[in-house]
Amino acid sequence: MTEKGAAKPEPEPSLTAAQKLLRRRQELDYWQRNAERLRRRNLLTGLTVGAFVVGLFSYTILSVRQERIMEEVDEEARVQVFRGPRTGANS
C-alpha cells in the first residue's frame, strides 16, 4: 500500500558487463582510498567502548568491595554493642 502521490522507485536499468566492471573498480578505489580513515575510526570506537567497559567493571568491583568493608564494620559495631564499653574493670 503506497501513499497517494508517493513516487514509485524506477527499476534500475540492467547494466552491461563493462558498466558493472567499471562500477566495481570505482567501489574498490573508494574503499582503498578510505580504508585508513575507516580503520582509525574503528580503532577509536573500539578503544572508547573498551574504556567504558573497563571503567564500569572497575566501578562495580570497587562498589562491591566497599559494601563488604561496610558489612565488616557493621559486624564489628554489633559485637562491640553486645560486649559493652571497654573500661578498666572489664578489659
PDB file of N, CA and C in Angstrom:
ATOM      1  N   MET A   1       0.837  -1.178   0.000  1.00  0.00           N
ATOM      2  CA  MET A   1       0.000   0.000   0.000  1.00  0.00           C
ATOM      3  C   MET A   1       0.881   1.240   0.000  1.00  0.00           C
ATOM      4  N   THR A   2       0.960   1.864  -1.098  1.00  0.00           N
ATOM      5  CA  THR A   2       1.740   3.088  -1.182  1.00  0.00           C
ATOM      6  C   THR A   2       0.822   4.278  -1.022  1.00  0.00           C
ATOM      7  N   GLU A   3       1.385   5.333  -0.532  1.00  0.00           N
ATOM      8  CA  GLU A   3       0.602   6.547  -0.351  1.00  0.00           C
ATOM      9  C   GLU A   3       0.322   7.181  -1.702  1.00  0.00           C
ATOM     10  N   LYS A   4      -0.756   7.917  -1.754  1.00  0.00           N
ATOM     11  CA  LYS A   4      -1.060   8.629  -2.986  1.00  0.00           C
ATOM     12  C   LYS A   4      -0.033   9.722  -3.169  1.00  0.00           C
ATOM     13  N   GLY A   5       0.452   9.855  -4.326  1.00  0.00           N
ATOM     14  CA  GLY A   5       1.423  10.905  -4.611  1.00  0.00           C
ATOM     15  C   GLY A   5       2.856  10.484  -4.346  1.00  0.00           C
ATOM     16  N   ALA A   6       3.058   9.337  -3.702  1.00  0.00           N
ATOM     17  CA  ALA A   6       4.423   8.870  -3.450  1.00  0.00           C
ATOM     18  C   ALA A   6       4.990   8.335  -4.758  1.00  0.00           C
ATOM     19  N   ALA A   7       6.188   8.765  -5.055  1.00  0.00           N
ATOM     20  CA  ALA A   7       6.811   8.346  -6.307  1.00  0.00           C
ATOM     21  C   ALA A   7       7.288   6.912  -6.182  1.00  0.00           C
ATOM     22  N   LYS A   8       6.987   6.118  -7.207  1.00  0.00           N
ATOM     23  CA  LYS A   8       7.458   4.748  -7.217  1.00  0.00           C
ATOM     24  C   LYS A   8       8.911   4.739  -7.658  1.00  0.00           C
ATOM     25  N   PRO A   9       9.754   3.955  -6.979  1.00  0.00           N
ATOM     26  CA  PRO A   9      11.146   3.903  -7.428  1.00  0.00           C
ATOM     27  C   PRO A   9      11.217   3.246  -8.801  1.00  0.00           C
ATOM     28  N   GLU A  10      11.946   3.895  -9.654  1.00  0.00           N
ATOM     29  CA  GLU A  10      12.052   3.366 -11.010  1.00  0.00           C
ATOM     30  C   GLU A  10      13.016   2.188 -10.997  1.00  0.00           C
ATOM     31  N   PRO A  11      12.677   1.139 -11.707  1.00  0.00           N
ATOM     32  CA  PRO A  11      13.592  -0.002 -11.746  1.00  0.00           C
ATOM     33  C   PRO A  11      14.891   0.392 -12.426  1.00  0.00           C
ATOM     34  N   GLU A  12      15.995  -0.088 -11.841  1.00  0.00           N
ATOM     35  CA  GLU A  12      17.319   0.250 -12.376  1.00  0.00           C
ATOM     36  C   GLU A  12      17.521  -0.515 -13.687  1.00  0.00           C
ATOM     37  N   PRO A  13      17.907   0.211 -14.721  1.00  0.00           N
ATOM     38  CA  PRO A  13      18.118  -0.489 -15.992  1.00  0.00           C
ATOM     39  C   PRO A  13      19.268  -1.482 -15.845  1.00  0.00           C
ATOM     40  N   SER A  14      19.176  -2.581 -16.529  1.00  0.00           N
ATOM     41  CA  SER A  14      20.224  -3.592 -16.416  1.00  0.00           C
ATOM     42  C   SER A  14      21.522  -3.044 -17.004  1.00  0.00           C
ATOM     43  N   LEU A  15      22.592  -3.313 -16.311  1.00  0.00           N
ATOM     44  CA  LEU A  15      23.893  -2.798 -16.703  1.00  0.00           C
ATOM     45  C   LEU A  15      24.628  -3.832 -17.551  1.00  0.00           C
ATOM     46  N   THR A  16      25.442  -3.317 -18.431  1.00  0.00           N
ATOM     47  CA  THR A  16      26.261  -4.221 -19.237  1.00  0.00           C
ATOM     48  C   THR A  16      27.431  -4.703 -18.384  1.00  0.00           C
ATOM     49  N   ALA A  17      28.122  -5.688 -18.850  1.00  0.00           N
ATOM     50  CA  ALA A  17      29.260  -6.249 -18.115  1.00  0.00           C
ATOM     51  C   ALA A  17      30.345  -5.198 -17.927  1.00  0.00           C
ATOM     52  N   ALA A  18      30.566  -4.378 -18.931  1.00  0.00           N
ATOM     53  CA  ALA A  18      31.598  -3.339 -18.837  1.00  0.00           C
ATOM     54  C   ALA A  18      31.217  -2.306 -17.782  1.00  0.00           C
ATOM     55  N   GLN A  19      29.929  -1.951 -17.717  1.00  0.00           N
ATOM     56  CA  GLN A  19      29.485  -0.978 -16.718  1.00  0.00           C
ATOM     57  C   GLN A  19      29.594  -1.563 -15.307  1.00  0.00           C
ATOM     58  N   LYS A  20      29.267  -2.843 -15.165  1.00  0.00           N
ATOM     59  CA  LYS A  20      29.398  -3.488 -13.856  1.00  0.00           C
ATOM     60  C   LYS A  20      30.858  -3.531 -13.421  1.00  0.00           C
ATOM     61  N   LEU A  21      31.739  -3.850 -14.353  1.00  0.00           N
ATOM     62  CA  LEU A  21      33.158  -3.897 -14.051  1.00  0.00           C
ATOM     63  C   LEU A  21      33.674  -2.517 -13.652  1.00  0.00           C
ATOM     64  N   LEU A  22      33.240  -1.489 -14.371  1.00  0.00           N
ATOM     65  CA  LEU A  22      33.640  -0.118 -14.056  1.00  0.00           C
ATOM     66  C   LEU A  22      33.159   0.275 -12.661  1.00  0.00           C
ATOM     67  N   ARG A  23      31.909  -0.068 -12.353  1.00  0.00           N
ATOM     68  CA  ARG A  23      31.359   0.266 -11.039  1.00  0.00           C
ATOM     69  C   ARG A  23      32.130  -0.456  -9.928  1.00  0.00           C
ATOM     70  N   ARG A  24      32.471  -1.733 -10.135  1.00  0.00           N
ATOM     71  CA  ARG A  24      33.249  -2.475  -9.133  1.00  0.00           C
ATOM     72  C   ARG A  24      34.610  -1.841  -8.922  1.00  0.00           C
ATOM     73  N   ARG A  25      35.245  -1.421 -10.011  1.00  0.00           N
ATOM     74  CA  ARG A  25      36.562  -0.778  -9.886  1.00  0.00           C
ATOM     75  C   ARG A  25      36.454   0.541  -9.134  1.00  0.00           C
ATOM     76  N   GLN A  26      35.400   1.304  -9.394  1.00  0.00           N
ATOM     77  CA  GLN A  26      35.196   2.561  -8.676  1.00  0.00           C
ATOM     78  C   GLN A  26      34.981   2.307  -7.191  1.00  0.00           C
ATOM     79  N   GLU A  27      34.183   1.298  -6.848  1.00  0.00           N
ATOM     80  CA  GLU A  27      33.963   0.957  -5.445  1.00  0.00           C
ATOM     81  C   GLU A  27      35.258   0.514  -4.783  1.00  0.00           C
ATOM     82  N   LEU A  28      36.048  -0.280  -5.485  1.00  0.00           N
ATOM     83  CA  LEU A  28      37.324  -0.744  -4.945  1.00  0.00           C
ATOM     84  C   LEU A  28      38.261   0.435  -4.700  1.00  0.00           C
ATOM     85  N   ASP A  29      38.334   1.364  -5.646  1.00  0.00           N
ATOM     86  CA  ASP A  29      39.163   2.559  -5.464  1.00  0.00           C
ATOM     87  C   ASP A  29      38.697   3.369  -4.266  1.00  0.00           C
ATOM     88  N   TYR A  30      37.385   3.500  -4.106  1.00  0.00           N
ATOM     89  CA  TYR A  30      36.828   4.248  -2.977  1.00  0.00           C
ATOM     90  C   TYR A  30      37.261   3.610  -1.659  1.00  0.00           C
ATOM     91  N   TRP A  31      37.117   2.288  -1.545  1.00  0.00           N
ATOM     92  CA  TRP A  31      37.476   1.614  -0.298  1.00  0.00           C
ATOM     93  C   TRP A  31      38.974   1.671  -0.035  1.00  0.00           C
ATOM     94  N   GLN A  32      39.784   1.601  -1.086  1.00  0.00           N
ATOM     95  CA  GLN A  32      41.233   1.685  -0.895  1.00  0.00           C
ATOM     96  C   GLN A  32      41.629   3.074  -0.408  1.00  0.00           C
ATOM     97  N   ARG A  33      40.980   4.102  -0.941  1.00  0.00           N
ATOM     98  CA  ARG A  33      41.302   5.466  -0.508  1.00  0.00           C
ATOM     99  C   ARG A  33      40.864   5.732   0.924  1.00  0.00           C
ATOM    100  N   ASN A  34      39.752   5.156   1.332  1.00  0.00           N
ATOM    101  CA  ASN A  34      39.186   5.474   2.643  1.00  0.00           C
ATOM    102  C   ASN A  34      39.440   4.404   3.694  1.00  0.00           C
ATOM    103  N   ALA A  35      40.220   3.394   3.380  1.00  0.00           N
ATOM    104  CA  ALA A  35      40.447   2.295   4.320  1.00  0.00           C
ATOM    105  C   ALA A  35      41.164   2.775   5.581  1.00  0.00           C
ATOM    106  N   GLU A  36      42.159   3.623   5.441  1.00  0.00           N
ATOM    107  CA  GLU A  36      42.918   4.089   6.610  1.00  0.00           C
ATOM    108  C   GLU A  36      42.017   4.878   7.562  1.00  0.00           C
ATOM    109  N   ARG A  37      41.190   5.740   7.015  1.00  0.00           N
ATOM    110  CA  ARG A  37      40.285   6.539   7.849  1.00  0.00           C
ATOM    111  C   ARG A  37      39.280   5.626   8.565  1.00  0.00           C
ATOM    112  N   LEU A  38      38.801   4.616   7.851  1.00  0.00           N
ATOM    113  CA  LEU A  38      37.868   3.670   8.451  1.00  0.00           C
ATOM    114  C   LEU A  38      38.528   2.888   9.584  1.00  0.00           C
ATOM    115  N   ARG A  39      39.763   2.440   9.359  1.00  0.00           N
ATOM    116  CA  ARG A  39      40.485   1.715  10.414  1.00  0.00           C
ATOM    117  C   ARG A  39      40.671   2.596  11.644  1.00  0.00           C
ATOM    118  N   ARG A  40      41.008   3.852  11.424  1.00  0.00           N
ATOM    119  CA  ARG A  40      41.207   4.779  12.537  1.00  0.00           C
ATOM    120  C   ARG A  40      39.914   4.957  13.331  1.00  0.00           C
ATOM    121  N   ARG A  41      38.811   5.124  12.622  1.00  0.00           N
ATOM    122  CA  ARG A  41      37.522   5.291  13.310  1.00  0.00           C
ATOM    123  C   ARG A  41      37.146   4.029  14.077  1.00  0.00           C
ATOM    124  N   ASN A  42      37.373   2.874  13.454  1.00  0.00           N
ATOM    125  CA  ASN A  42      37.060   1.617  14.138  1.00  0.00           C
ATOM    126  C   ASN A  42      37.924   1.444  15.384  1.00  0.00           C
ATOM    127  N   LEU A  43      39.195   1.799  15.279  1.00  0.00           N
ATOM    128  CA  LEU A  43      40.082   1.696  16.429  1.00  0.00           C
ATOM    129  C   LEU A  43      39.624   2.630  17.550  1.00  0.00           C
ATOM    130  N   LEU A  44      39.286   3.859  17.194  1.00  0.00           N
ATOM    131  CA  LEU A  44      38.816   4.821  18.192  1.00  0.00           C
ATOM    132  C   LEU A  44      37.529   4.334  18.851  1.00  0.00           C
ATOM    133  N   THR A  45      36.618   3.806  18.062  1.00  0.00           N
ATOM    134  CA  THR A  45      35.369   3.282  18.612  1.00  0.00           C
ATOM    135  C   THR A  45      35.647   2.103  19.537  1.00  0.00           C
ATOM    136  N   GLY A  46      36.514   1.197  19.126  1.00  0.00           N
ATOM    137  CA  GLY A  46      36.851   0.042  19.953  1.00  0.00           C
ATOM    138  C   GLY A  46      37.496   0.443  21.271  1.00  0.00           C
ATOM    139  N   LEU A  47      38.410   1.401  21.205  1.00  0.00           N
ATOM    140  CA  LEU A  47      39.062   1.860  22.439  1.00  0.00           C
ATOM    141  C   LEU A  47      38.071   2.556  23.363  1.00  0.00           C
ATOM    142  N   THR A  48      37.161   3.318  22.793  1.00  0.00           N
ATOM    143  CA  THR A  48      36.154   4.003  23.605  1.00  0.00           C
ATOM    144  C   THR A  48      35.245   2.998  24.304  1.00  0.00           C
ATOM    145  N   VAL A  49      34.768   2.024  23.564  1.00  0.00           N
ATOM    146  CA  VAL A  49      33.905   1.005  24.159  1.00  0.00           C
ATOM    147  C   VAL A  49      34.685   0.215  25.207  1.00  0.00           C
ATOM    148  N   GLY A  50      35.932  -0.132  24.909  1.00  0.00           N
ATOM    149  CA  GLY A  50      36.756  -0.870  25.866  1.00  0.00           C
ATOM    150  C   GLY A  50      36.991  -0.081  27.144  1.00  0.00           C
ATOM    151  N   ALA A  51      37.269   1.214  27.009  1.00  0.00           N
ATOM    152  CA  ALA A  51      37.479   2.053  28.191  1.00  0.00           C
ATOM    153  C   ALA A  51      36.207   2.133  29.030  1.00  0.00           C
ATOM    154  N   PHE A  52      35.067   2.231  28.373  1.00  0.00           N
ATOM    155  CA  PHE A  52      33.797   2.271  29.099  1.00  0.00           C
ATOM    156  C   PHE A  52      33.578   0.978  29.872  1.00  0.00           C
ATOM    157  N   VAL A  53      33.841  -0.153  29.229  1.00  0.00           N
ATOM    158  CA  VAL A  53      33.642  -1.455  29.879  1.00  0.00           C
ATOM    159  C   VAL A  53      34.585  -1.610  31.063  1.00  0.00           C
ATOM    160  N   VAL A  54      35.842  -1.251  30.891  1.00  0.00           N
ATOM    161  CA  VAL A  54      36.809  -1.359  31.989  1.00  0.00           C
ATOM    162  C   VAL A  54      36.409  -0.434  33.141  1.00  0.00           C
ATOM    163  N   GLY A  55      35.974   0.767  32.817  1.00  0.00           N
ATOM    164  CA  GLY A  55      35.540   1.701  33.857  1.00  0.00           C
ATOM    165  C   GLY A  55      34.332   1.191  34.615  1.00  0.00           C
ATOM    166  N   LEU A  56      33.369   0.664  33.896  1.00  0.00           N
ATOM    167  CA  LEU A  56      32.168   0.132  34.535  1.00  0.00           C
ATOM    168  C   LEU A  56      32.504  -1.072  35.406  1.00  0.00           C
ATOM    169  N   PHE A  57      33.367  -1.946  34.905  1.00  0.00           N
ATOM    170  CA  PHE A  57      33.794  -3.114  35.686  1.00  0.00           C
ATOM    171  C   PHE A  57      34.524  -2.674  36.959  1.00  0.00           C
ATOM    172  N   SER A  58      35.436  -1.716  36.826  1.00  0.00           N
ATOM    173  CA  SER A  58      36.191  -1.228  37.988  1.00  0.00           C
ATOM    174  C   SER A  58      35.264  -0.601  39.017  1.00  0.00           C
ATOM    175  N   TYR A  59      34.322   0.201  38.541  1.00  0.00           N
ATOM    176  CA  TYR A  59      33.366   0.834  39.454  1.00  0.00           C
ATOM    177  C   TYR A  59      32.557  -0.216  40.210  1.00  0.00           C
ATOM    178  N   THR A  60      32.132  -1.260  39.500  1.00  0.00           N
ATOM    179  CA  THR A  60      31.336  -2.314  40.125  1.00  0.00           C
ATOM    180  C   THR A  60      32.147  -3.048  41.181  1.00  0.00           C
ATOM    181  N   ILE A  61      33.380  -3.400  40.850  1.00  0.00           N
ATOM    182  CA  ILE A  61      34.239  -4.104  41.807  1.00  0.00           C
ATOM    183  C   ILE A  61      34.492  -3.229  43.029  1.00  0.00           C
ATOM    184  N   LEU A  62      34.772  -1.944  42.817  1.00  0.00           N
ATOM    185  CA  LEU A  62      35.012  -1.033  43.934  1.00  0.00           C
ATOM    186  C   LEU A  62      33.771  -0.912  44.805  1.00  0.00           C
ATOM    187  N   SER A  63      32.617  -0.834  44.195  1.00  0.00           N
ATOM    188  CA  SER A  63      31.363  -0.717  44.940  1.00  0.00           C
ATOM    189  C   SER A  63      31.116  -1.948  45.798  1.00  0.00           C
ATOM    190  N   VAL A  64      31.339  -3.134  45.234  1.00  0.00           N
ATOM    191  CA  VAL A  64      31.144  -4.374  45.990  1.00  0.00           C
ATOM    192  C   VAL A  64      32.151  -4.451  47.128  1.00  0.00           C
ATOM    193  N   ARG A  65      33.380  -4.039  46.864  1.00  0.00           N
ATOM    194  CA  ARG A  65      34.413  -4.073  47.909  1.00  0.00           C
ATOM    195  C   ARG A  65      34.020  -3.145  49.061  1.00  0.00           C
ATOM    196  N   GLN A  66      33.495  -1.968  48.744  1.00  0.00           N
ATOM    197  CA  GLN A  66      33.078  -1.036  49.799  1.00  0.00           C
ATOM    198  C   GLN A  66      31.910  -1.608  50.593  1.00  0.00           C
ATOM    199  N   GLU A  67      31.002  -2.327  49.929  1.00  0.00           N
ATOM    200  CA  GLU A  67      29.896  -2.953  50.643  1.00  0.00           C
ATOM    201  C   GLU A  67      30.414  -3.967  51.645  1.00  0.00           C
ATOM    202  N   ARG A  68      31.394  -4.764  51.227  1.00  0.00           N
ATOM    203  CA  ARG A  68      31.952  -5.772  52.133  1.00  0.00           C
ATOM    204  C   ARG A  68      32.621  -5.103  53.325  1.00  0.00           C
ATOM    205  N   ILE A  69      33.345  -4.034  53.080  1.00  0.00           N
ATOM    206  CA  ILE A  69      34.014  -3.320  54.177  1.00  0.00           C
ATOM    207  C   ILE A  69      32.977  -2.772  55.147  1.00  0.00           C
ATOM    208  N   MET A  70      31.884  -2.203  54.591  1.00  0.00           N
ATOM    209  CA  MET A  70      30.846  -1.660  55.462  1.00  0.00           C
ATOM    210  C   MET A  70      30.173  -2.775  56.257  1.00  0.00           C
ATOM    211  N   GLU A  71      29.983  -3.950  55.638  1.00  0.00           N
ATOM    212  CA  GLU A  71      29.408  -5.071  56.376  1.00  0.00           C
ATOM    213  C   GLU A  71      30.326  -5.494  57.509  1.00  0.00           C
ATOM    214  N   GLU A  72      31.642  -5.507  57.272  1.00  0.00           N
ATOM    215  CA  GLU A  72      32.598  -5.871  58.320  1.00  0.00           C
ATOM    216  C   GLU A  72      32.574  -4.839  59.444  1.00  0.00           C
ATOM    217  N   VAL A  73      32.496  -3.562  59.093  1.00  0.00           N
ATOM    218  CA  VAL A  73      32.449  -2.507  60.118  1.00  0.00           C
ATOM    219  C   VAL A  73      31.161  -2.635  60.920  1.00  0.00           C
ATOM    220  N   ASP A  74      30.048  -2.896  60.223  1.00  0.00           N
ATOM    221  CA  ASP A  74      28.776  -3.060  60.924  1.00  0.00           C
ATOM    222  C   ASP A  74      28.831  -4.262  61.870  1.00  0.00           C
ATOM    223  N   GLU A  75      29.441  -5.351  61.435  1.00  0.00           N
ATOM    224  CA  GLU A  75      29.560  -6.537  62.283  1.00  0.00           C
ATOM    225  C   GLU A  75      30.412  -6.235  63.510  1.00  0.00           C
ATOM    226  N   GLU A  76      31.509  -5.513  63.324  1.00  0.00           N
ATOM    227  CA  GLU A  76      32.357  -5.145  64.462  1.00  0.00           C
ATOM    228  C   GLU A  76      31.599  -4.241  65.422  1.00  0.00           C
ATOM    229  N   ALA A  77      30.775  -3.340  64.879  1.00  0.00           N
ATOM    230  CA  ALA A  77      29.998  -2.444  65.745  1.00  0.00           C
ATOM    231  C   ALA A  77      28.976  -3.254  66.549  1.00  0.00           C
ATOM    232  N   ARG A  78      28.334  -4.248  65.924  1.00  0.00           N
ATOM    233  CA  ARG A  78      27.363  -5.072  66.646  1.00  0.00           C
ATOM    234  C   ARG A  78      28.041  -5.826  67.793  1.00  0.00           C
ATOM    235  N   VAL A  79      29.230  -6.362  67.511  1.00  0.00           N
ATOM    236  CA  VAL A  79      29.958  -7.095  68.544  1.00  0.00           C
ATOM    237  C   VAL A  79      30.282  -6.159  69.713  1.00  0.00           C
ATOM    238  N   GLN A  80      30.695  -4.959  69.421  1.00  0.00           N
ATOM    239  CA  GLN A  80      31.037  -4.005  70.476  1.00  0.00           C
ATOM    240  C   GLN A  80      29.811  -3.619  71.295  1.00  0.00           C
ATOM    241  N   VAL A  81      28.663  -3.513  70.641  1.00  0.00           N
ATOM    242  CA  VAL A  81      27.435  -3.170  71.362  1.00  0.00           C
ATOM    243  C   VAL A  81      27.072  -4.303  72.312  1.00  0.00           C
ATOM    244  N   PHE A  82      27.206  -5.552  71.867  1.00  0.00           N
ATOM    245  CA  PHE A  82      26.868  -6.681  72.728  1.00  0.00           C
ATOM    246  C   PHE A  82      27.846  -6.822  73.882  1.00  0.00           C
ATOM    247  N   ARG A  83      29.105  -6.532  73.654  1.00  0.00           N
ATOM    248  CA  ARG A  83      30.118  -6.661  74.709  1.00  0.00           C
ATOM    249  C   ARG A  83      29.990  -5.544  75.733  1.00  0.00           C
ATOM    250  N   GLY A  84      29.578  -4.424  75.280  1.00  0.00           N
ATOM    251  CA  GLY A  84      29.500  -3.273  76.194  1.00  0.00           C
ATOM    252  C   GLY A  84      30.779  -2.472  76.100  1.00  0.00           C
ATOM    253  N   PRO A  85      30.811  -1.337  76.788  1.00  0.00           N
ATOM    254  CA  PRO A  85      32.000  -0.490  76.696  1.00  0.00           C
ATOM    255  C   PRO A  85      33.188  -1.126  77.418  1.00  0.00           C
ATOM    256  N   ARG A  86      34.369  -0.883  76.882  1.00  0.00           N
ATOM    257  CA  ARG A  86      35.580  -1.405  77.499  1.00  0.00           C
ATOM    258  C   ARG A  86      36.066  -0.386  78.543  1.00  0.00           C
ATOM    259  N   THR A  87      36.156  -0.826  79.732  1.00  0.00           N
ATOM    260  CA  THR A  87      36.661   0.017  80.816  1.00  0.00           C
ATOM    261  C   THR A  87      37.783  -0.746  81.515  1.00  0.00           C
ATOM    262  N   GLY A  88      38.415  -0.134  82.426  1.00  0.00           N
ATOM    263  CA  GLY A  88      39.492  -0.791  83.158  1.00  0.00           C
ATOM    264  C   GLY A  88      38.987  -1.978  83.970  1.00  0.00           C
ATOM    265  N   ALA A  89      37.728  -1.957  84.333  1.00  0.00           N
ATOM    266  CA  ALA A  89      37.176  -3.021  85.192  1.00  0.00           C
ATOM    267  C   ALA A  89      36.902  -4.291  84.399  1.00  0.00           C
ATOM    268  N   ASN A  90      36.511  -4.184  83.096  1.00  0.00           N
ATOM    269  CA  ASN A  90      36.150  -5.378  82.357  1.00  0.00           C
ATOM    270  C   ASN A  90      37.081  -5.684  81.195  1.00  0.00           C
ATOM    271  N   SER A  91      38.261  -5.124  81.133  1.00  0.00           N
ATOM    272  CA  SER A  91      39.150  -5.386  79.992  1.00  0.00           C
ATOM    273  C   SER A  91      40.040  -6.563  80.218  1.00  0.00           C
TER     274      SER A  91
END
